[in-house]
PDB file of all heavy atoms in Angstrom:
ATOM      1  N   ALA A   1      -0.984 -14.602  13.547  1.00  0.00           N
ATOM      2  CA  ALA A   1      -0.709 -14.845  12.133  1.00  0.00           C
ATOM      3  C   ALA A   1      -1.074 -13.620  11.299  1.00  0.00           C
ATOM      4  O   ALA A   1      -2.128 -13.013  11.506  1.00  0.00           O
ATOM      5  CB  ALA A   1      -1.494 -16.055  11.626  1.00  0.00           C
ATOM      6  N   ASP A   2      -0.200 -13.275  10.370  1.00  0.00           N
ATOM      7  CA  ASP A   2      -0.414 -12.122   9.484  1.00  0.00           C
ATOM      8  C   ASP A   2      -1.006 -10.934  10.239  1.00  0.00           C
ATOM      9  O   ASP A   2      -2.142 -10.513   9.985  1.00  0.00           O
ATOM     10  CB  ASP A   2      -1.316 -12.502   8.303  1.00  0.00           C
ATOM     11  CG  ASP A   2      -0.551 -13.172   7.183  1.00  0.00           C
ATOM     12  OD1 ASP A   2       0.682 -13.043   7.146  1.00  0.00           O
ATOM     13  OD2 ASP A   2      -1.188 -13.828   6.326  1.00  0.00           O
ATOM     14  N   PRO A   3      -0.241 -10.363  11.177  1.00  0.00           N
ATOM     15  CA  PRO A   3      -0.732  -9.208  11.935  1.00  0.00           C
ATOM     16  C   PRO A   3      -1.086  -8.047  11.009  1.00  0.00           C
ATOM     17  O   PRO A   3      -0.662  -7.998   9.851  1.00  0.00           O
ATOM     18  CB  PRO A   3       0.461  -8.847  12.833  1.00  0.00           C
ATOM     19  CG  PRO A   3       1.307 -10.075  12.881  1.00  0.00           C
ATOM     20  CD  PRO A   3       1.130 -10.735  11.560  1.00  0.00           C
ATOM     21  N   VAL A   4      -1.830  -7.095  11.543  1.00  0.00           N
ATOM     22  CA  VAL A   4      -2.276  -5.955  10.744  1.00  0.00           C
ATOM     23  C   VAL A   4      -1.115  -5.070  10.301  1.00  0.00           C
ATOM     24  O   VAL A   4      -1.296  -4.169   9.476  1.00  0.00           O
ATOM     25  CB  VAL A   4      -3.308  -5.109  11.513  1.00  0.00           C
ATOM     26  CG1 VAL A   4      -4.588  -5.904  11.729  1.00  0.00           C
ATOM     27  CG2 VAL A   4      -2.739  -4.631  12.853  1.00  0.00           C
ATOM     28  N   VAL A   5       0.091  -5.316  10.842  1.00  0.00           N
ATOM     29  CA  VAL A   5       1.251  -4.494  10.497  1.00  0.00           C
ATOM     30  C   VAL A   5       2.205  -5.201   9.530  1.00  0.00           C
ATOM     31  O   VAL A   5       3.365  -4.799   9.404  1.00  0.00           O
ATOM     32  CB  VAL A   5       2.028  -4.065  11.758  1.00  0.00           C
ATOM     33  CG1 VAL A   5       1.198  -3.093  12.583  1.00  0.00           C
ATOM     34  CG2 VAL A   5       2.415  -5.281  12.599  1.00  0.00           C
ATOM     35  N   VAL A   6       1.732  -6.246   8.848  1.00  0.00           N
ATOM     36  CA  VAL A   6       2.555  -6.864   7.803  1.00  0.00           C
ATOM     37  C   VAL A   6       3.000  -5.768   6.837  1.00  0.00           C
ATOM     38  O   VAL A   6       2.190  -4.991   6.328  1.00  0.00           O
ATOM     39  CB  VAL A   6       1.763  -7.949   7.050  1.00  0.00           C
ATOM     40  CG1 VAL A   6       2.476  -8.338   5.757  1.00  0.00           C
ATOM     41  CG2 VAL A   6       1.579  -9.176   7.932  1.00  0.00           C
ATOM     42  N   ASP A   7       4.301  -5.690   6.591  1.00  0.00           N
ATOM     43  CA  ASP A   7       4.863  -4.575   5.821  1.00  0.00           C
ATOM     44  C   ASP A   7       5.583  -5.077   4.575  1.00  0.00           C
ATOM     45  O   ASP A   7       6.654  -5.674   4.653  1.00  0.00           O
ATOM     46  CB  ASP A   7       5.829  -3.774   6.694  1.00  0.00           C
ATOM     47  CG  ASP A   7       6.275  -2.473   6.035  1.00  0.00           C
ATOM     48  OD1 ASP A   7       6.027  -2.304   4.818  1.00  0.00           O
ATOM     49  OD2 ASP A   7       6.867  -1.635   6.726  1.00  0.00           O
ATOM     50  N   GLU A   8       4.964  -4.833   3.421  1.00  0.00           N
ATOM     51  CA  GLU A   8       5.558  -5.159   2.128  1.00  0.00           C
ATOM     52  C   GLU A   8       5.539  -3.953   1.192  1.00  0.00           C
ATOM     53  O   GLU A   8       5.649  -4.078  -0.016  1.00  0.00           O
ATOM     54  CB  GLU A   8       4.780  -6.329   1.489  1.00  0.00           C
ATOM     55  CG  GLU A   8       4.791  -7.591   2.329  1.00  0.00           C
ATOM     56  CD  GLU A   8       3.831  -8.665   1.853  1.00  0.00           C
ATOM     57  OE1 GLU A   8       2.816  -8.317   1.202  1.00  0.00           O
ATOM     58  OE2 GLU A   8       4.083  -9.852   2.109  1.00  0.00           O
ATOM     59  N   LEU A   9       5.385  -2.753   1.785  1.00  0.00           N
ATOM     60  CA  LEU A   9       5.244  -1.537   0.989  1.00  0.00           C
ATOM     61  C   LEU A   9       6.491  -1.266   0.143  1.00  0.00           C
ATOM     62  O   LEU A   9       7.622  -1.480   0.592  1.00  0.00           O
ATOM     63  CB  LEU A   9       5.003  -0.324   1.882  1.00  0.00           C
ATOM     64  CG  LEU A   9       3.724  -0.266   2.714  1.00  0.00           C
ATOM     65  CD1 LEU A   9       3.634   1.069   3.420  1.00  0.00           C
ATOM     66  CD2 LEU A   9       2.488  -0.497   1.848  1.00  0.00           C
ATOM     67  N   GLU A  10       6.268  -0.770  -1.062  1.00  0.00           N
ATOM     68  CA  GLU A  10       7.378  -0.256  -1.853  1.00  0.00           C
ATOM     69  C   GLU A  10       7.844   1.053  -1.215  1.00  0.00           C
ATOM     70  O   GLU A  10       7.066   1.787  -0.606  1.00  0.00           O
ATOM     71  CB  GLU A  10       6.929  -0.024  -3.296  1.00  0.00           C
ATOM     72  CG  GLU A  10       6.648  -1.311  -4.049  1.00  0.00           C
ATOM     73  CD  GLU A  10       6.303  -1.067  -5.511  1.00  0.00           C
ATOM     74  OE1 GLU A  10       5.921   0.075  -5.855  1.00  0.00           O
ATOM     75  OE2 GLU A  10       6.421  -2.016  -6.304  1.00  0.00           O
ATOM     76  N   ASP A  11       9.120   1.348  -1.352  1.00  0.00           N
ATOM     77  CA  ASP A  11       9.684   2.533  -0.702  1.00  0.00           C
ATOM     78  C   ASP A  11       8.982   3.811  -1.123  1.00  0.00           C
ATOM     79  O   ASP A  11       8.775   4.719  -0.304  1.00  0.00           O
ATOM     80  CB  ASP A  11      11.181   2.636  -1.009  1.00  0.00           C
ATOM     81  CG  ASP A  11      11.996   1.569  -0.285  1.00  0.00           C
ATOM     82  OD1 ASP A  11      11.484   1.012   0.711  1.00  0.00           O
ATOM     83  OD2 ASP A  11      13.134   1.293  -0.715  1.00  0.00           O
ATOM     84  N   ILE A  12       8.591   3.896  -2.384  1.00  0.00           N
ATOM     85  CA  ILE A  12       7.959   5.130  -2.872  1.00  0.00           C
ATOM     86  C   ILE A  12       6.625   5.378  -2.182  1.00  0.00           C
ATOM     87  O   ILE A  12       6.184   6.526  -2.037  1.00  0.00           O
ATOM     88  CB  ILE A  12       7.778   5.074  -4.414  1.00  0.00           C
ATOM     89  CG1 ILE A  12       7.482   6.468  -4.959  1.00  0.00           C
ATOM     90  CG2 ILE A  12       6.685   4.079  -4.816  1.00  0.00           C
ATOM     91  CD1 ILE A  12       7.524   6.548  -6.474  1.00  0.00           C
ATOM     92  N   ALA A  13       5.981   4.307  -1.712  1.00  0.00           N
ATOM     93  CA  ALA A  13       4.687   4.442  -1.049  1.00  0.00           C
ATOM     94  C   ALA A  13       4.820   4.996   0.357  1.00  0.00           C
ATOM     95  O   ALA A  13       3.827   5.427   0.956  1.00  0.00           O
ATOM     96  CB  ALA A  13       3.980   3.092  -1.013  1.00  0.00           C
ATOM     97  N   ARG A  14       6.015   4.989   0.910  1.00  0.00           N
ATOM     98  CA  ARG A  14       6.219   5.437   2.288  1.00  0.00           C
ATOM     99  C   ARG A  14       6.392   6.953   2.400  1.00  0.00           C
ATOM    100  O   ARG A  14       6.247   7.532   3.463  1.00  0.00           O
ATOM    101  CB  ARG A  14       7.458   4.764   2.888  1.00  0.00           C
ATOM    102  CG  ARG A  14       7.421   3.254   2.854  1.00  0.00           C
ATOM    103  CD  ARG A  14       8.708   2.666   3.467  1.00  0.00           C
ATOM    104  NE  ARG A  14       8.808   1.252   3.187  1.00  0.00           N
ATOM    105  CZ  ARG A  14       8.197   0.302   3.898  1.00  0.00           C
ATOM    106  NH1 ARG A  14       7.452   0.644   4.927  1.00  0.00           N
ATOM    107  NH2 ARG A  14       8.329  -0.980   3.585  1.00  0.00           N
ATOM    108  N   ILE A  15       6.750   7.604   1.302  1.00  0.00           N
ATOM    109  CA  ILE A  15       7.105   9.019   1.336  1.00  0.00           C
ATOM    110  C   ILE A  15       5.854   9.888   1.420  1.00  0.00           C
ATOM    111  O   ILE A  15       4.894   9.700   0.671  1.00  0.00           O
ATOM    112  CB  ILE A  15       7.943   9.399   0.101  1.00  0.00           C
ATOM    113  CG1 ILE A  15       9.240   8.586   0.076  1.00  0.00           C
ATOM    114  CG2 ILE A  15       8.254  10.902   0.098  1.00  0.00           C
ATOM    115  CD1 ILE A  15      10.040   8.746  -1.202  1.00  0.00           C
ATOM    116  N   THR A  16       5.872  10.847   2.339  1.00  0.00           N
ATOM    117  CA  THR A  16       4.758  11.784   2.502  1.00  0.00           C
ATOM    118  C   THR A  16       5.234  13.192   2.163  1.00  0.00           C
ATOM    119  O   THR A  16       6.399  13.414   1.815  1.00  0.00           O
ATOM    120  CB  THR A  16       4.226  11.755   3.944  1.00  0.00           C
ATOM    121  OG1 THR A  16       5.180  12.414   4.810  1.00  0.00           O
ATOM    122  CG2 THR A  16       4.002  10.333   4.424  1.00  0.00           C
ATOM    123  N   GLY A  17       4.350  14.166   2.347  1.00  0.00           N
ATOM    124  CA  GLY A  17       4.688  15.556   2.059  1.00  0.00           C
ATOM    125  C   GLY A  17       5.489  16.251   3.144  1.00  0.00           C
ATOM    126  O   GLY A  17       5.815  17.442   3.011  1.00  0.00           O
ATOM    127  N   ARG A  18       5.814  15.531   4.215  1.00  0.00           N
ATOM    128  CA  ARG A  18       6.668  16.056   5.264  1.00  0.00           C
ATOM    129  C   ARG A  18       7.689  14.987   5.621  1.00  0.00           C
ATOM    130  O   ARG A  18       7.327  13.838   5.896  1.00  0.00           O
ATOM    131  CB  ARG A  18       5.858  16.400   6.532  1.00  0.00           C
ATOM    132  CG  ARG A  18       4.945  17.616   6.416  1.00  0.00           C
ATOM    133  CD  ARG A  18       5.693  18.922   6.353  1.00  0.00           C
ATOM    134  NE  ARG A  18       6.690  19.078   7.407  1.00  0.00           N
ATOM    135  CZ  ARG A  18       7.369  20.195   7.622  1.00  0.00           C
ATOM    136  NH1 ARG A  18       7.143  21.259   6.852  1.00  0.00           N
ATOM    137  NH2 ARG A  18       8.279  20.259   8.585  1.00  0.00           N
ATOM    138  N   PRO A  19       8.969  15.337   5.677  1.00  0.00           N
ATOM    139  CA  PRO A  19       9.987  14.336   5.983  1.00  0.00           C
ATOM    140  C   PRO A  19       9.873  13.758   7.391  1.00  0.00           C
ATOM    141  O   PRO A  19      10.408  12.698   7.674  1.00  0.00           O
ATOM    142  CB  PRO A  19      11.309  15.103   5.812  1.00  0.00           C
ATOM    143  CG  PRO A  19      10.939  16.544   5.929  1.00  0.00           C
ATOM    144  CD  PRO A  19       9.553  16.663   5.382  1.00  0.00           C
ATOM    145  N   GLU A  20       9.154  14.458   8.276  1.00  0.00           N
ATOM    146  CA  GLU A  20       8.979  13.951   9.643  1.00  0.00           C
ATOM    147  C   GLU A  20       8.026  12.751   9.696  1.00  0.00           C
ATOM    148  O   GLU A  20       7.990  12.024  10.689  1.00  0.00           O
ATOM    149  CB  GLU A  20       8.421  15.053  10.568  1.00  0.00           C
ATOM    150  CG  GLU A  20       9.322  16.267  10.695  1.00  0.00           C
ATOM    151  CD  GLU A  20       8.983  17.359   9.681  1.00  0.00           C
ATOM    152  OE1 GLU A  20       8.360  17.030   8.636  1.00  0.00           O
ATOM    153  OE2 GLU A  20       9.330  18.519   9.946  1.00  0.00           O
ATOM    154  N   PHE A  21       7.253  12.573   8.643  1.00  0.00           N
ATOM    155  CA  PHE A  21       6.238  11.519   8.643  1.00  0.00           C
ATOM    156  C   PHE A  21       6.501  10.523   7.525  1.00  0.00           C
ATOM    157  O   PHE A  21       6.795  10.920   6.391  1.00  0.00           O
ATOM    158  CB  PHE A  21       4.838  12.113   8.446  1.00  0.00           C
ATOM    159  CG  PHE A  21       4.420  13.072   9.514  1.00  0.00           C
ATOM    160  CD1 PHE A  21       4.639  14.429   9.362  1.00  0.00           C
ATOM    161  CD2 PHE A  21       3.815  12.620  10.673  1.00  0.00           C
ATOM    162  CE1 PHE A  21       4.254  15.337  10.340  1.00  0.00           C
ATOM    163  CE2 PHE A  21       3.429  13.517  11.667  1.00  0.00           C
ATOM    164  CZ  PHE A  21       3.646  14.871  11.501  1.00  0.00           C
ATOM    165  N   LYS A  22       6.371   9.249   7.854  1.00  0.00           N
ATOM    166  CA  LYS A  22       6.423   8.196   6.846  1.00  0.00           C
ATOM    167  C   LYS A  22       5.173   7.342   6.963  1.00  0.00           C
ATOM    168  O   LYS A  22       4.688   7.071   8.067  1.00  0.00           O
ATOM    169  CB  LYS A  22       7.675   7.321   7.021  1.00  0.00           C
ATOM    170  CG  LYS A  22       8.948   7.982   6.536  1.00  0.00           C
ATOM    171  CD  LYS A  22      10.095   6.984   6.456  1.00  0.00           C
ATOM    172  CE  LYS A  22      11.334   7.644   5.857  1.00  0.00           C
ATOM    173  NZ  LYS A  22      12.468   6.679   5.737  1.00  0.00           N
ATOM    174  N   LYS A  23       4.658   6.935   5.822  1.00  0.00           N
ATOM    175  CA  LYS A  23       3.465   6.094   5.815  1.00  0.00           C
ATOM    176  C   LYS A  23       3.781   4.738   6.419  1.00  0.00           C
ATOM    177  O   LYS A  23       4.820   4.145   6.145  1.00  0.00           O
ATOM    178  CB  LYS A  23       2.967   5.925   4.380  1.00  0.00           C
ATOM    179  CG  LYS A  23       1.661   5.161   4.253  1.00  0.00           C
ATOM    180  CD  LYS A  23       1.225   5.156   2.798  1.00  0.00           C
ATOM    181  CE  LYS A  23      -0.086   4.439   2.619  1.00  0.00           C
ATOM    182  NZ  LYS A  23      -0.530   4.467   1.212  1.00  0.00           N
ATOM    183  N   ARG A  24       2.861   4.247   7.263  1.00  0.00           N
ATOM    184  CA  ARG A  24       3.009   2.927   7.857  1.00  0.00           C
ATOM    185  C   ARG A  24       2.077   1.934   7.172  1.00  0.00           C
ATOM    186  O   ARG A  24       1.027   2.307   6.643  1.00  0.00           O
ATOM    187  CB  ARG A  24       2.661   2.969   9.350  1.00  0.00           C
ATOM    188  CG  ARG A  24       3.658   3.710  10.208  1.00  0.00           C
ATOM    189  CD  ARG A  24       3.453   3.345  11.675  1.00  0.00           C
ATOM    190  NE  ARG A  24       2.169   3.800  12.197  1.00  0.00           N
ATOM    191  CZ  ARG A  24       1.643   3.370  13.346  1.00  0.00           C
ATOM    192  NH1 ARG A  24       2.271   2.454  14.066  1.00  0.00           N
ATOM    193  NH2 ARG A  24       0.484   3.842  13.775  1.00  0.00           N
ATOM    194  N   SER A  25       2.475   0.686   7.187  1.00  0.00           N
ATOM    195  CA  SER A  25       1.634  -0.376   6.641  1.00  0.00           C
ATOM    196  C   SER A  25       0.758  -0.916   7.757  1.00  0.00           C
ATOM    197  O   SER A  25       1.220  -1.632   8.643  1.00  0.00           O
ATOM    198  CB  SER A  25       2.501  -1.496   6.062  1.00  0.00           C
ATOM    199  OG  SER A  25       1.686  -2.535   5.559  1.00  0.00           O
ATOM    200  N   ILE A  26      -0.519  -0.554   7.748  1.00  0.00           N
ATOM    201  CA  ILE A  26      -1.504  -1.069   8.704  1.00  0.00           C
ATOM    202  C   ILE A  26      -2.774  -1.376   7.918  1.00  0.00           C
ATOM    203  O   ILE A  26      -3.462  -0.463   7.457  1.00  0.00           O
ATOM    204  CB  ILE A  26      -1.813  -0.055   9.826  1.00  0.00           C
ATOM    205  CG1 ILE A  26      -0.541   0.365  10.570  1.00  0.00           C
ATOM    206  CG2 ILE A  26      -2.815  -0.648  10.804  1.00  0.00           C
ATOM    207  CD1 ILE A  26      -0.781   1.378  11.672  1.00  0.00           C
ATOM    208  N   PHE A  27      -3.059  -2.653   7.745  1.00  0.00           N
ATOM    209  CA  PHE A  27      -4.240  -3.051   6.968  1.00  0.00           C
ATOM    210  C   PHE A  27      -4.683  -4.441   7.422  1.00  0.00           C
ATOM    211  O   PHE A  27      -4.038  -5.084   8.251  1.00  0.00           O
ATOM    212  CB  PHE A  27      -3.934  -3.018   5.466  1.00  0.00           C
ATOM    213  CG  PHE A  27      -3.004  -4.111   4.999  1.00  0.00           C
ATOM    214  CD1 PHE A  27      -3.473  -5.180   4.254  1.00  0.00           C
ATOM    215  CD2 PHE A  27      -1.639  -4.073   5.305  1.00  0.00           C
ATOM    216  CE1 PHE A  27      -2.619  -6.188   3.825  1.00  0.00           C
ATOM    217  CE2 PHE A  27      -0.776  -5.065   4.875  1.00  0.00           C
ATOM    218  CZ  PHE A  27      -1.273  -6.129   4.133  1.00  0.00           C
ATOM    219  N   HIS A  28      -5.791  -4.919   6.883  1.00  0.00           N
ATOM    220  CA  HIS A  28      -6.332  -6.224   7.273  1.00  0.00           C
ATOM    221  C   HIS A  28      -5.575  -7.320   6.520  1.00  0.00           C
ATOM    222  O   HIS A  28      -6.089  -7.950   5.595  1.00  0.00           O
ATOM    223  CB  HIS A  28      -7.823  -6.275   6.963  1.00  0.00           C
ATOM    224  CG  HIS A  28      -8.637  -5.280   7.718  1.00  0.00           C
ATOM    225  ND1 HIS A  28      -8.860  -4.004   7.234  1.00  0.00           N
ATOM    226  CD2 HIS A  28      -9.259  -5.353   8.924  1.00  0.00           C
ATOM    227  CE1 HIS A  28      -9.598  -3.335   8.099  1.00  0.00           C
ATOM    228  NE2 HIS A  28      -9.856  -4.127   9.133  1.00  0.00           N
ATOM    229  N   ALA A  29      -4.333  -7.540   6.961  1.00  0.00           N
ATOM    230  CA  ALA A  29      -3.445  -8.442   6.222  1.00  0.00           C
ATOM    231  C   ALA A  29      -3.992  -9.860   6.155  1.00  0.00           C
ATOM    232  O   ALA A  29      -3.975 -10.496   5.091  1.00  0.00           O
ATOM    233  CB  ALA A  29      -2.060  -8.442   6.872  1.00  0.00           C
ATOM    234  N   LEU A  30      -4.468 -10.386   7.267  1.00  0.00           N
ATOM    235  CA  LEU A  30      -4.919 -11.779   7.295  1.00  0.00           C
ATOM    236  C   LEU A  30      -6.086 -11.997   6.336  1.00  0.00           C
ATOM    237  O   LEU A  30      -6.062 -12.912   5.506  1.00  0.00           O
ATOM    238  CB  LEU A  30      -5.325 -12.165   8.723  1.00  0.00           C
ATOM    239  CG  LEU A  30      -5.830 -13.592   8.907  1.00  0.00           C
ATOM    240  CD1 LEU A  30      -4.715 -14.600   8.651  1.00  0.00           C
ATOM    241  CD2 LEU A  30      -6.414 -13.781  10.301  1.00  0.00           C
ATOM    242  N   ASP A  31      -7.096 -11.164   6.439  1.00  0.00           N
ATOM    243  CA  ASP A  31      -8.273 -11.327   5.583  1.00  0.00           C
ATOM    244  C   ASP A  31      -7.933 -11.089   4.118  1.00  0.00           C
ATOM    245  O   ASP A  31      -8.374 -11.825   3.232  1.00  0.00           O
ATOM    246  CB  ASP A  31      -9.388 -10.386   6.027  1.00  0.00           C
ATOM    247  CG  ASP A  31     -10.668 -10.604   5.245  1.00  0.00           C
ATOM    248  OD1 ASP A  31     -11.403 -11.545   5.580  1.00  0.00           O
ATOM    249  OD2 ASP A  31     -10.923  -9.841   4.290  1.00  0.00           O
TER     250      ASP A  31
END
């Protein structure tokens, strides 16, 4: 239930300073 990879990020939050990398949603979703 509610794994740590629950992904509800806004698109703007995914962009990093290198196009090869995108931010991933990994957090304590359940808690």
